Amino acid sequence: FWPFFSRGSLLAHGSHITFLEAMVATRAQRASLGGESTTTTKRRGRSKSPAPKPKPTPKKPAAKAKKAAPKKGKKGAKGGSAYARALESYPVLTNAVQAGALSFASTLASQAMTGTEPGDFDYRKPAEFAAVAVFVVTPLSLLFFSQVASFGTSAKLGFDFVVTGPVLNVCFAAALCLVRGQGLDAVVATLSSVDDFWYDIVLMSNKVWLPAKLAMYYAVPMAYWGLWCSLVSFGWGIYLAIIVP
């Protein structure tokens, strides 16, 4: 075996071993580099993964707002509210009843003011005035109220002076004659009297009603115009009952 272990063969064999060792070292180096890159890639991949979103917290149902307790009105407001409901539900009837009652009372008051004793009161005349107020004056007044509701104050007063006042006075005088059983001749004679009708009633009514209407348009709600006119009519009715036989 010596030839195989000659100097040249040993050198050749040693170079062969050195080459193999170099190859093994190179592969090991590559393997180590590949492992590091794989580990780095995995770490980078993990770092790029999105963070888990936080779970939304369930919202608590909003507390229901407490209903405001209705304010208790004053004791005196009960009557007013009942009257307002009556006006809203039965406007013509409510205004007619109050107008008739106040007209009846004003005619009795005129008798008391002229010295008539309560035992000697004439109830026929108050009933006649009340009937005219209920069936003639009130429906016409409510009609005129609806006509002037959208007018300005000056236009309202002009309408009352030209239309409302003369028409109501003519209808009142004519209806009173018919209620008393008088014919058309009595109606014509009454309306033709300049002094007794056009001066004492129509002209005087403007002196009373125009200032009263001016205050009404400025200060009284429309729903209570009928009540206001009935109250004014109480004083006006006393005057009429005195001058009208």
C-alpha atoms as a PDB file:
ATOM      1  CA  PHE A   1       0.000   0.000   0.000  1.00  0.00           C
ATOM      2  CA  TRP A   2       2.827   2.393   0.163  1.00  0.00           C
ATOM      3  CA  PRO A   3       2.453   3.637  -3.365  1.00  0.00           C
ATOM      4  CA  PHE A   4      -0.938   4.941  -2.473  1.00  0.00           C
ATOM      5  CA  PHE A   5       0.568   6.922   0.375  1.00  0.00           C
ATOM      6  CA  SER A   6       3.250   8.502  -1.650  1.00  0.00           C
ATOM      7  CA  ARG A   7       3.778  12.264  -1.253  1.00  0.00           C
ATOM      8  CA  GLY A   8       1.936  13.056  -4.487  1.00  0.00           C
ATOM      9  CA  SER A   9      -1.043  10.906  -3.641  1.00  0.00           C
ATOM     10  CA  LEU A  10      -1.300  12.406  -0.185  1.00  0.00           C
ATOM     11  CA  LEU A  11      -1.197  15.876  -1.622  1.00  0.00           C
ATOM     12  CA  ALA A  12      -3.862  15.002  -4.137  1.00  0.00           C
ATOM     13  CA  HIS A  13      -5.945  13.352  -1.493  1.00  0.00           C
ATOM     14  CA  GLY A  14      -5.549  16.297   0.831  1.00  0.00           C
ATOM     15  CA  SER A  15      -6.657  18.744  -1.838  1.00  0.00           C
ATOM     16  CA  HIS A  16      -9.657  16.569  -2.469  1.00  0.00           C
ATOM     17  CA  ILE A  17     -10.599  16.649   1.223  1.00  0.00           C
ATOM     18  CA  THR A  18     -10.059  20.403   1.346  1.00  0.00           C
ATOM     19  CA  PHE A  19     -12.396  20.867  -1.647  1.00  0.00           C
ATOM     20  CA  LEU A  20     -15.071  18.732  -0.013  1.00  0.00           C
ATOM     21  CA  GLU A  21     -14.764  20.634   3.211  1.00  0.00           C
ATOM     22  CA  ALA A  22     -15.117  23.894   1.334  1.00  0.00           C
ATOM     23  CA  MET A  23     -18.282  22.669  -0.370  1.00  0.00           C
ATOM     24  CA  VAL A  24     -19.752  21.560   2.925  1.00  0.00           C
ATOM     25  CA  ALA A  25     -18.914  24.884   4.509  1.00  0.00           C
ATOM     26  CA  THR A  26     -20.473  26.774   1.612  1.00  0.00           C
ATOM     27  CA  ARG A  27     -23.672  24.776   1.815  1.00  0.00           C
ATOM     28  CA  ALA A  28     -23.820  25.272   5.543  1.00  0.00           C
ATOM     29  CA  GLN A  29     -23.342  28.996   5.094  1.00  0.00           C
ATOM     30  CA  ARG A  30     -26.097  29.122   2.473  1.00  0.00           C
ATOM     31  CA  ALA A  31     -28.374  27.122   4.671  1.00  0.00           C
ATOM     32  CA  SER A  32     -27.748  29.446   7.567  1.00  0.00           C
ATOM     33  CA  LEU A  33     -28.358  32.483   5.364  1.00  0.00           C
ATOM     34  CA  GLY A  34     -31.564  30.955   4.013  1.00  0.00           C
ATOM     35  CA  GLY A  35     -32.825  30.248   7.502  1.00  0.00           C
ATOM     36  CA  GLU A  36     -32.182  33.801   8.617  1.00  0.00           C
ATOM     37  CA  SER A  37     -33.931  35.226   5.556  1.00  0.00           C
ATOM     38  CA  THR A  38     -36.879  32.897   6.127  1.00  0.00           C
ATOM     39  CA  THR A  39     -37.044  33.926   9.757  1.00  0.00           C
ATOM     40  CA  THR A  40     -36.809  37.590   8.774  1.00  0.00           C
ATOM     41  CA  THR A  41     -39.525  37.144   6.157  1.00  0.00           C
ATOM     42  CA  LYS A  42     -41.761  35.462   8.663  1.00  0.00           C
ATOM     43  CA  ARG A  43     -41.149  38.238  11.179  1.00  0.00           C
ATOM     44  CA  ARG A  44     -41.853  40.872   8.554  1.00  0.00           C
ATOM     45  CA  GLY A  45     -45.004  39.035   7.529  1.00  0.00           C
ATOM     46  CA  ARG A  46     -46.135  38.912  11.098  1.00  0.00           C
ATOM     47  CA  SER A  47     -45.436  42.619  11.577  1.00  0.00           C
ATOM     48  CA  LYS A  48     -47.495  43.490   8.528  1.00  0.00           C
ATOM     49  CA  SER A  49     -50.580  41.603   9.734  1.00  0.00           C
ATOM     50  CA  PRO A  50     -53.257  44.089  10.809  1.00  0.00           C
ATOM     51  CA  ALA A  51     -53.925  44.497  14.462  1.00  0.00           C
ATOM     52  CA  PRO A  52     -57.224  42.974  15.605  1.00  0.00           C
ATOM     53  CA  LYS A  53     -60.026  45.508  15.753  1.00  0.00           C
ATOM     54  CA  PRO A  54     -61.472  46.176  19.187  1.00  0.00           C
ATOM     55  CA  LYS A  55     -64.907  44.797  19.702  1.00  0.00           C
ATOM     56  CA  PRO A  56     -67.532  47.554  19.695  1.00  0.00           C
ATOM     57  CA  THR A  57     -69.043  48.082  23.073  1.00  0.00           C
ATOM     58  CA  PRO A  58     -72.822  47.696  22.987  1.00  0.00           C
ATOM     59  CA  LYS A  59     -74.600  50.998  23.355  1.00  0.00           C
ATOM     60  CA  LYS A  60     -76.878  51.379  26.287  1.00  0.00           C
ATOM     61  CA  PRO A  61     -80.451  52.256  25.367  1.00  0.00           C
ATOM     62  CA  ALA A  62     -81.115  55.911  25.904  1.00  0.00           C
ATOM     63  CA  ALA A  63     -83.228  56.653  28.876  1.00  0.00           C
ATOM     64  CA  LYS A  64     -86.737  57.685  27.934  1.00  0.00           C
ATOM     65  CA  ALA A  65     -87.437  61.304  28.611  1.00  0.00           C
ATOM     66  CA  LYS A  66     -89.952  61.827  31.313  1.00  0.00           C
ATOM     67  CA  LYS A  67     -93.140  63.420  30.141  1.00  0.00           C
ATOM     68  CA  ALA A  68     -93.648  66.818  31.621  1.00  0.00           C
ATOM     69  CA  ALA A  69     -96.506  66.785  34.007  1.00  0.00           C
ATOM     70  CA  PRO A  70     -99.322  69.048  32.878  1.00  0.00           C
ATOM     71  CA  LYS A  71     -99.477  72.221  34.814  1.00  0.00           C
ATOM     72  CA  LYS A  72    -102.465  72.528  37.012  1.00  0.00           C
ATOM     73  CA  GLY A  73    -104.480  75.535  36.113  1.00  0.00           C
ATOM     74  CA  LYS A  74    -106.045  77.848  38.570  1.00  0.00           C
ATOM     75  CA  LYS A  75    -109.480  77.070  39.884  1.00  0.00           C
ATOM     76  CA  GLY A  76    -110.940  80.061  38.147  1.00  0.00           C
ATOM     77  CA  ALA A  77    -109.804  78.809  34.738  1.00  0.00           C
ATOM     78  CA  LYS A  78    -112.272  75.904  34.721  1.00  0.00           C
ATOM     79  CA  GLY A  79    -115.237  78.101  33.891  1.00  0.00           C
ATOM     80  CA  GLY A  80    -113.298  79.900  31.190  1.00  0.00           C
ATOM     81  CA  SER A  81    -112.200  76.658  29.583  1.00  0.00           C
ATOM     82  CA  ALA A  82    -115.783  75.355  29.580  1.00  0.00           C
ATOM     83  CA  TYR A  83    -116.955  78.583  27.971  1.00  0.00           C
ATOM     84  CA  ALA A  84    -114.176  78.348  25.369  1.00  0.00           C
ATOM     85  CA  ARG A  85    -115.209  74.779  24.527  1.00  0.00           C
ATOM     86  CA  ALA A  86    -118.817  75.902  24.192  1.00  0.00           C
ATOM     87  CA  LEU A  87    -117.773  78.687  21.831  1.00  0.00           C
ATOM     88  CA  GLU A  88    -115.714  76.251  19.772  1.00  0.00           C
ATOM     89  CA  SER A  89    -118.395  73.561  19.587  1.00  0.00           C
ATOM     90  CA  TYR A  90    -121.528  75.737  19.347  1.00  0.00           C
ATOM     91  CA  PRO A  91    -120.459  79.277  18.391  1.00  0.00           C
ATOM     92  CA  VAL A  92    -123.817  80.504  17.105  1.00  0.00           C
ATOM     93  CA  LEU A  93    -125.844  78.997  19.940  1.00  0.00           C
ATOM     94  CA  THR A  94    -123.479  80.212  22.671  1.00  0.00           C
ATOM     95  CA  ASN A  95    -123.362  83.761  21.327  1.00  0.00           C
ATOM     96  CA  ALA A  96    -127.122  83.804  20.752  1.00  0.00           C
ATOM     97  CA  VAL A  97    -127.924  82.674  24.299  1.00  0.00           C
ATOM     98  CA  GLN A  98    -125.621  85.235  25.927  1.00  0.00           C
ATOM     99  CA  ALA A  99    -126.883  88.016  23.632  1.00  0.00           C
ATOM    100  CA  GLY A 100    -130.509  87.174  24.379  1.00  0.00           C
ATOM    101  CA  ALA A 101    -129.938  86.975  28.129  1.00  0.00           C
ATOM    102  CA  LEU A 102    -128.100  90.307  28.287  1.00  0.00           C
ATOM    103  CA  SER A 103    -130.673  91.971  26.025  1.00  0.00           C
ATOM    104  CA  PHE A 104    -133.482  90.732  28.279  1.00  0.00           C
ATOM    105  CA  ALA A 105    -131.608  92.018  31.341  1.00  0.00           C
ATOM    106  CA  SER A 106    -130.864  95.402  29.784  1.00  0.00           C
ATOM    107  CA  THR A 107    -134.528  95.992  28.974  1.00  0.00           C
ATOM    108  CA  LEU A 108    -135.487  95.201  32.567  1.00  0.00           C
ATOM    109  CA  ALA A 109    -132.748  97.542  33.744  1.00  0.00           C
ATOM    110  CA  SER A 110    -134.186 100.323  31.575  1.00  0.00           C
ATOM    111  CA  GLN A 111    -137.546  99.924  33.301  1.00  0.00           C
ATOM    112  CA  ALA A 112    -135.881 100.087  36.698  1.00  0.00           C
ATOM    113  CA  MET A 113    -133.973 103.204  35.687  1.00  0.00           C
ATOM    114  CA  THR A 114    -137.173 104.935  34.592  1.00  0.00           C
ATOM    115  CA  GLY A 115    -138.755 104.364  38.004  1.00  0.00           C
ATOM    116  CA  THR A 116    -140.807 101.211  37.359  1.00  0.00           C
ATOM    117  CA  GLU A 117    -141.186  99.029  40.407  1.00  0.00           C
ATOM    118  CA  PRO A 118    -140.060  95.388  40.035  1.00  0.00           C
ATOM    119  CA  GLY A 119    -143.608  94.217  40.616  1.00  0.00           C
ATOM    120  CA  ASP A 120    -144.797  96.329  37.688  1.00  0.00           C
ATOM    121  CA  PHE A 121    -142.149  95.206  35.153  1.00  0.00           C
ATOM    122  CA  ASP A 122    -143.377  94.544  31.633  1.00  0.00           C
ATOM    123  CA  TYR A 123    -141.753  91.258  30.561  1.00  0.00           C
ATOM    124  CA  ARG A 124    -143.167  91.300  27.077  1.00  0.00           C
ATOM    125  CA  LYS A 125    -140.837  94.044  25.870  1.00  0.00           C
ATOM    126  CA  PRO A 126    -137.682  92.316  27.212  1.00  0.00           C
ATOM    127  CA  ALA A 127    -138.787  89.085  25.538  1.00  0.00           C
ATOM    128  CA  GLU A 128    -139.249  90.907  22.206  1.00  0.00           C
ATOM    129  CA  PHE A 129    -135.811  92.498  22.404  1.00  0.00           C
ATOM    130  CA  ALA A 130    -134.236  89.161  23.401  1.00  0.00           C
ATOM    131  CA  ALA A 131    -135.870  87.346  20.471  1.00  0.00           C
ATOM    132  CA  VAL A 132    -134.533  89.899  17.992  1.00  0.00           C
ATOM    133  CA  ALA A 133    -131.059  89.620  19.565  1.00  0.00           C
ATOM    134  CA  VAL A 134    -131.077  85.819  19.345  1.00  0.00           C
ATOM    135  CA  PHE A 135    -132.521  85.268  15.871  1.00  0.00           C
ATOM    136  CA  VAL A 136    -131.436  88.399  13.960  1.00  0.00           C
ATOM    137  CA  VAL A 137    -128.643  90.426  15.524  1.00  0.00           C
ATOM    138  CA  THR A 138    -126.369  87.544  16.593  1.00  0.00           C
ATOM    139  CA  PRO A 139    -126.286  85.615  13.271  1.00  0.00           C
ATOM    140  CA  LEU A 140    -125.682  88.826  11.315  1.00  0.00           C
ATOM    141  CA  SER A 141    -122.958  89.948  13.719  1.00  0.00           C
ATOM    142  CA  LEU A 142    -121.114  86.620  13.409  1.00  0.00           C
ATOM    143  CA  LEU A 143    -121.367  86.871   9.633  1.00  0.00           C
ATOM    144  CA  PHE A 144    -119.841  90.346   9.660  1.00  0.00           C
ATOM    145  CA  PHE A 145    -117.101  89.165  12.044  1.00  0.00           C
ATOM    146  CA  SER A 146    -116.030  86.523   9.546  1.00  0.00           C
ATOM    147  CA  GLN A 147    -116.033  89.077   6.735  1.00  0.00           C
ATOM    148  CA  VAL A 148    -113.741  91.599   8.448  1.00  0.00           C
ATOM    149  CA  ALA A 149    -111.407  89.087  10.132  1.00  0.00           C
ATOM    150  CA  SER A 150    -108.660  89.551   7.510  1.00  0.00           C
ATOM    151  CA  PHE A 151    -109.038  93.353   7.245  1.00  0.00           C
ATOM    152  CA  GLY A 152    -106.813  95.934   8.840  1.00  0.00           C
ATOM    153  CA  THR A 153    -108.168  97.942  11.754  1.00  0.00           C
ATOM    154  CA  SER A 154    -109.017 100.983   9.630  1.00  0.00           C
ATOM    155  CA  ALA A 155    -110.795  98.816   7.064  1.00  0.00           C
ATOM    156  CA  LYS A 156    -112.732  97.060   9.844  1.00  0.00           C
ATOM    157  CA  LEU A 157    -113.951 100.361  11.265  1.00  0.00           C
ATOM    158  CA  GLY A 158    -114.863 101.649   7.805  1.00  0.00           C
ATOM    159  CA  PHE A 159    -116.847  98.482   7.110  1.00  0.00           C
ATOM    160  CA  ASP A 160    -118.653  98.832  10.452  1.00  0.00           C
ATOM    161  CA  PHE A 161    -119.514 102.458   9.748  1.00  0.00           C
ATOM    162  CA  VAL A 162    -120.805 101.876   6.198  1.00  0.00           C
ATOM    163  CA  VAL A 163    -122.237  98.323   6.377  1.00  0.00           C
ATOM    164  CA  THR A 164    -122.448  96.706   9.810  1.00  0.00           C
ATOM    165  CA  GLY A 165    -124.036  99.562  11.749  1.00  0.00           C
ATOM    166  CA  PRO A 166    -126.763 100.545   9.243  1.00  0.00           C
ATOM    167  CA  VAL A 167    -127.647  96.922   8.360  1.00  0.00           C
ATOM    168  CA  LEU A 168    -127.949  95.797  11.992  1.00  0.00           C
ATOM    169  CA  ASN A 169    -130.042  98.817  12.934  1.00  0.00           C
ATOM    170  CA  VAL A 170    -132.387  98.396   9.965  1.00  0.00           C
ATOM    171  CA  CYS A 171    -132.776  94.667  10.632  1.00  0.00           C
ATOM    172  CA  PHE A 172    -133.337  95.285  14.351  1.00  0.00           C
ATOM    173  CA  ALA A 173    -136.086  97.850  13.735  1.00  0.00           C
ATOM    174  CA  ALA A 174    -137.780  95.747  11.055  1.00  0.00           C
ATOM    175  CA  ALA A 175    -137.622  92.530  13.103  1.00  0.00           C
ATOM    176  CA  LEU A 176    -138.975  94.274  16.202  1.00  0.00           C
ATOM    177  CA  CYS A 177    -141.976  95.486  14.234  1.00  0.00           C
ATOM    178  CA  LEU A 178    -142.628  91.983  12.869  1.00  0.00           C
ATOM    179  CA  VAL A 179    -142.225  90.337  16.292  1.00  0.00           C
ATOM    180  CA  ARG A 180    -144.837  92.737  17.662  1.00  0.00           C
ATOM    181  CA  GLY A 181    -147.221  91.690  14.919  1.00  0.00           C
ATOM    182  CA  GLN A 182    -147.017  94.942  12.994  1.00  0.00           C
ATOM    183  CA  GLY A 183    -147.154  94.940   9.196  1.00  0.00           C
ATOM    184  CA  LEU A 184    -144.805  96.225   6.513  1.00  0.00           C
ATOM    185  CA  ASP A 185    -146.385  99.673   6.774  1.00  0.00           C
ATOM    186  CA  ALA A 186    -145.056 100.012  10.305  1.00  0.00           C
ATOM    187  CA  VAL A 187    -141.598  98.863   9.127  1.00  0.00           C
ATOM    188  CA  VAL A 188    -141.529 101.442   6.322  1.00  0.00           C
ATOM    189  CA  ALA A 189    -142.749 104.204   8.621  1.00  0.00           C
ATOM    190  CA  THR A 190    -140.074 103.409  11.200  1.00  0.00           C
ATOM    191  CA  LEU A 191    -137.249 103.316   8.673  1.00  0.00           C
ATOM    192  CA  SER A 192    -138.452 106.518   7.013  1.00  0.00           C
ATOM    193  CA  SER A 193    -138.224 108.570  10.201  1.00  0.00           C
ATOM    194  CA  VAL A 194    -135.086 110.672  10.003  1.00  0.00           C
ATOM    195  CA  ASP A 195    -135.156 111.912  13.570  1.00  0.00           C
ATOM    196  CA  ASP A 196    -136.450 108.852  15.382  1.00  0.00           C
ATOM    197  CA  PHE A 197    -134.479 106.257  13.461  1.00  0.00           C
ATOM    198  CA  TRP A 198    -131.548 107.680  11.494  1.00  0.00           C
ATOM    199  CA  TYR A 199    -130.511 110.230  14.080  1.00  0.00           C
ATOM    200  CA  ASP A 200    -131.539 108.730  17.435  1.00  0.00           C
ATOM    201  CA  ILE A 201    -130.560 105.151  16.561  1.00  0.00           C
ATOM    202  CA  VAL A 202    -128.148 104.953  13.607  1.00  0.00           C
ATOM    203  CA  LEU A 203    -126.077 108.042  14.353  1.00  0.00           C
ATOM    204  CA  MET A 204    -126.025 107.441  18.088  1.00  0.00           C
ATOM    205  CA  SER A 205    -125.037 103.793  17.554  1.00  0.00           C
ATOM    206  CA  ASN A 206    -121.915 104.936  15.692  1.00  0.00           C
ATOM    207  CA  LYS A 207    -120.938 107.099  18.649  1.00  0.00           C
ATOM    208  CA  VAL A 208    -121.137 104.063  20.911  1.00  0.00           C
ATOM    209  CA  TRP A 209    -120.087 101.176  18.695  1.00  0.00           C
ATOM    210  CA  LEU A 210    -117.142 102.619  16.763  1.00  0.00           C
ATOM    211  CA  PRO A 211    -115.050 103.277  19.920  1.00  0.00           C
ATOM    212  CA  ALA A 212    -116.170  99.915  21.314  1.00  0.00           C
ATOM    213  CA  LYS A 213    -115.181  98.138  18.090  1.00  0.00           C
ATOM    214  CA  LEU A 214    -111.815  99.925  18.033  1.00  0.00           C
ATOM    215  CA  ALA A 215    -111.036  98.603  21.513  1.00  0.00           C
ATOM    216  CA  MET A 216    -112.306  95.162  20.530  1.00  0.00           C
ATOM    217  CA  TYR A 217    -110.092  94.875  17.438  1.00  0.00           C
ATOM    218  CA  TYR A 218    -107.015  95.841  19.424  1.00  0.00           C
ATOM    219  CA  ALA A 219    -107.529  94.025  22.724  1.00  0.00           C
ATOM    220  CA  VAL A 220    -110.107  91.229  22.385  1.00  0.00           C
ATOM    221  CA  PRO A 221    -109.390  87.847  20.707  1.00  0.00           C
ATOM    222  CA  MET A 222    -111.705  87.092  17.813  1.00  0.00           C
ATOM    223  CA  ALA A 223    -113.317  84.136  19.603  1.00  0.00           C
ATOM    224  CA  TYR A 224    -114.643  86.566  22.247  1.00  0.00           C
ATOM    225  CA  TRP A 225    -115.913  89.290  19.931  1.00  0.00           C
ATOM    226  CA  GLY A 226    -119.477  88.067  20.425  1.00  0.00           C
ATOM    227  CA  LEU A 227    -119.139  88.253  24.200  1.00  0.00           C
ATOM    228  CA  TRP A 228    -117.670  91.741  23.995  1.00  0.00           C
ATOM    229  CA  CYS A 229    -120.515  92.964  21.772  1.00  0.00           C
ATOM    230  CA  SER A 230    -123.096  91.411  24.096  1.00  0.00           C
ATOM    231  CA  LEU A 231    -121.601  93.285  27.039  1.00  0.00           C
ATOM    232  CA  VAL A 232    -121.608  96.561  25.111  1.00  0.00           C
ATOM    233  CA  SER A 233    -125.160  95.795  23.982  1.00  0.00           C
ATOM    234  CA  PHE A 234    -126.238  95.679  27.590  1.00  0.00           C
ATOM    235  CA  GLY A 235    -125.602  99.418  27.898  1.00  0.00           C
ATOM    236  CA  TRP A 236    -126.802 100.131  24.360  1.00  0.00           C
ATOM    237  CA  GLY A 237    -129.954  98.078  24.986  1.00  0.00           C
ATOM    238  CA  ILE A 238    -130.864 100.226  27.971  1.00  0.00           C
ATOM    239  CA  TYR A 239    -130.757 103.288  25.731  1.00  0.00           C
ATOM    240  CA  LEU A 240    -132.814 101.577  22.995  1.00  0.00           C
ATOM    241  CA  ALA A 241    -135.436 100.330  25.436  1.00  0.00           C
ATOM    242  CA  ILE A 242    -135.883 103.859  26.718  1.00  0.00           C
ATOM    243  CA  ILE A 243    -136.286 105.583  23.352  1.00  0.00           C
ATOM    244  CA  VAL A 244    -138.194 102.792  21.557  1.00  0.00           C
ATOM    245  CA  PRO A 245    -141.770 102.616  22.808  1.00  0.00           C
END
